[in-house]
Amino acid sequence: MALRLVKIQRKIFTANNALHYFLSNEWVFINTKAMALEKLLLPSDQLAFSYKTDSEQAVPFKFFTDGLMGCRRYLLNEPNSTMPQAKIHSRR
């Protein structure tokens, strides 16, 4: 049992060392060109690509829920039918 915990702690330590630089620095992304493109986008293109303007705020819970479902479907190749078991497992 202790050996298993040591292995887990070693993995956590290694991952923490790898991500430390990115987690401890502040990052500023300049997106002036992307913001300028928003003004050039036609209304028909906004509808076709489900583009939301600045005035339409994204709902954070829905954003993360959609991201989680996308990860399950496209990265882990898990079907939606396993979602009830996954919810039970995550609540443990």
Protein backbone atom coordinates (compact mmCIF):
# COMPACT_ATOMS: atom_id res chain seq x y z
CA MET A 1 0.00 0.00 0.00
CA ALA A 2 2.77 2.44 0.91
CA LEU A 3 4.61 1.72 -2.33
CA ARG A 4 1.46 2.57 -4.31
CA LEU A 5 1.12 5.90 -2.48
CA VAL A 6 4.79 6.70 -3.15
CA LYS A 7 4.27 6.07 -6.88
CA ILE A 8 1.19 8.30 -6.93
CA GLN A 9 3.03 11.05 -5.04
CA ARG A 10 5.96 10.80 -7.47
CA LYS A 11 3.59 11.28 -10.42
CA ILE A 12 1.97 14.28 -8.74
CA PHE A 13 5.37 15.79 -7.97
CA THR A 14 6.58 15.30 -11.55
CA ALA A 15 3.40 16.83 -13.01
CA ASN A 16 3.64 19.76 -10.59
CA ASN A 17 7.26 20.43 -11.60
CA ALA A 18 6.35 20.31 -15.28
CA LEU A 19 3.43 22.76 -14.88
CA HIS A 20 4.95 25.07 -12.26
CA TYR A 21 6.23 27.67 -14.73
CA PHE A 22 2.89 27.93 -16.51
CA LEU A 23 0.81 27.99 -13.33
CA SER A 24 2.93 30.53 -11.46
CA ASN A 25 3.22 33.20 -14.19
CA GLU A 26 0.59 35.62 -15.39
CA TRP A 27 -0.16 35.35 -19.10
CA VAL A 28 -1.49 38.19 -21.24
CA PHE A 29 -2.88 37.36 -24.65
CA ILE A 30 -3.34 40.26 -27.05
CA ASN A 31 -6.27 39.61 -29.37
CA THR A 32 -6.77 42.94 -31.13
CA LYS A 33 -6.88 41.29 -34.56
CA ALA A 34 -9.52 38.80 -33.44
CA MET A 35 -11.60 41.61 -31.98
CA ALA A 36 -11.29 43.54 -35.26
CA LEU A 37 -12.55 40.49 -37.16
CA GLU A 38 -15.71 40.55 -35.04
CA LYS A 39 -16.71 43.85 -36.63
CA LEU A 40 -16.24 42.41 -40.14
CA LEU A 41 -18.36 39.31 -39.55
CA LEU A 42 -21.63 39.31 -41.50
CA PRO A 43 -24.88 38.57 -39.61
CA SER A 44 -25.46 35.50 -41.81
CA ASP A 45 -22.01 34.19 -40.83
CA GLN A 46 -22.77 34.81 -37.17
CA LEU A 47 -25.84 32.58 -37.48
CA ALA A 48 -24.08 29.93 -39.56
CA PHE A 49 -21.18 29.55 -37.11
CA SER A 50 -23.13 30.17 -33.85
CA TYR A 51 -20.94 33.16 -33.09
CA LYS A 52 -21.73 35.07 -29.90
CA THR A 53 -20.91 38.77 -29.58
CA ASP A 54 -19.49 40.49 -26.49
CA SER A 55 -22.97 41.46 -25.35
CA GLU A 56 -23.95 37.78 -25.09
CA GLN A 57 -22.14 36.42 -22.06
CA ALA A 58 -21.32 32.73 -21.94
CA VAL A 59 -22.73 30.73 -19.04
CA PRO A 60 -19.67 29.25 -17.25
CA PHE A 61 -21.45 26.11 -16.01
CA LYS A 62 -22.72 25.28 -19.51
CA PHE A 63 -19.28 26.03 -20.98
CA PHE A 64 -17.55 23.55 -18.68
CA THR A 65 -20.31 20.97 -19.02
CA ASP A 66 -20.04 21.11 -22.81
CA GLY A 67 -16.25 20.88 -22.54
CA LEU A 68 -16.48 17.84 -20.29
CA MET A 69 -18.91 16.12 -22.64
CA GLY A 70 -16.64 16.91 -25.60
CA CYS A 71 -13.66 15.40 -23.79
CA ARG A 72 -15.64 12.28 -22.96
CA ARG A 73 -16.86 11.86 -26.54
CA TYR A 74 -13.90 12.86 -28.66
CA LEU A 75 -10.83 12.31 -26.48
CA LEU A 76 -11.84 9.33 -24.35
CA ASN A 77 -14.22 7.80 -26.92
CA GLU A 78 -16.80 7.09 -24.22
CA PRO A 79 -20.46 6.78 -25.26
CA ASN A 80 -23.15 8.89 -23.60
CA SER A 81 -24.75 5.72 -22.26
CA THR A 82 -21.98 5.46 -19.62
CA MET A 83 -22.76 8.90 -18.17
CA PRO A 84 -24.95 7.67 -15.25
CA GLN A 85 -22.21 5.29 -14.08
CA ALA A 86 -19.61 8.08 -14.42
CA LYS A 87 -21.71 10.40 -12.24
CA ILE A 88 -22.03 7.72 -9.55
CA HIS A 89 -18.29 7.05 -9.73
CA SER A 90 -17.36 10.75 -9.42
CA ARG A 91 -19.59 11.20 -6.36
CA ARG A 92 -17.74 8.50 -4.41
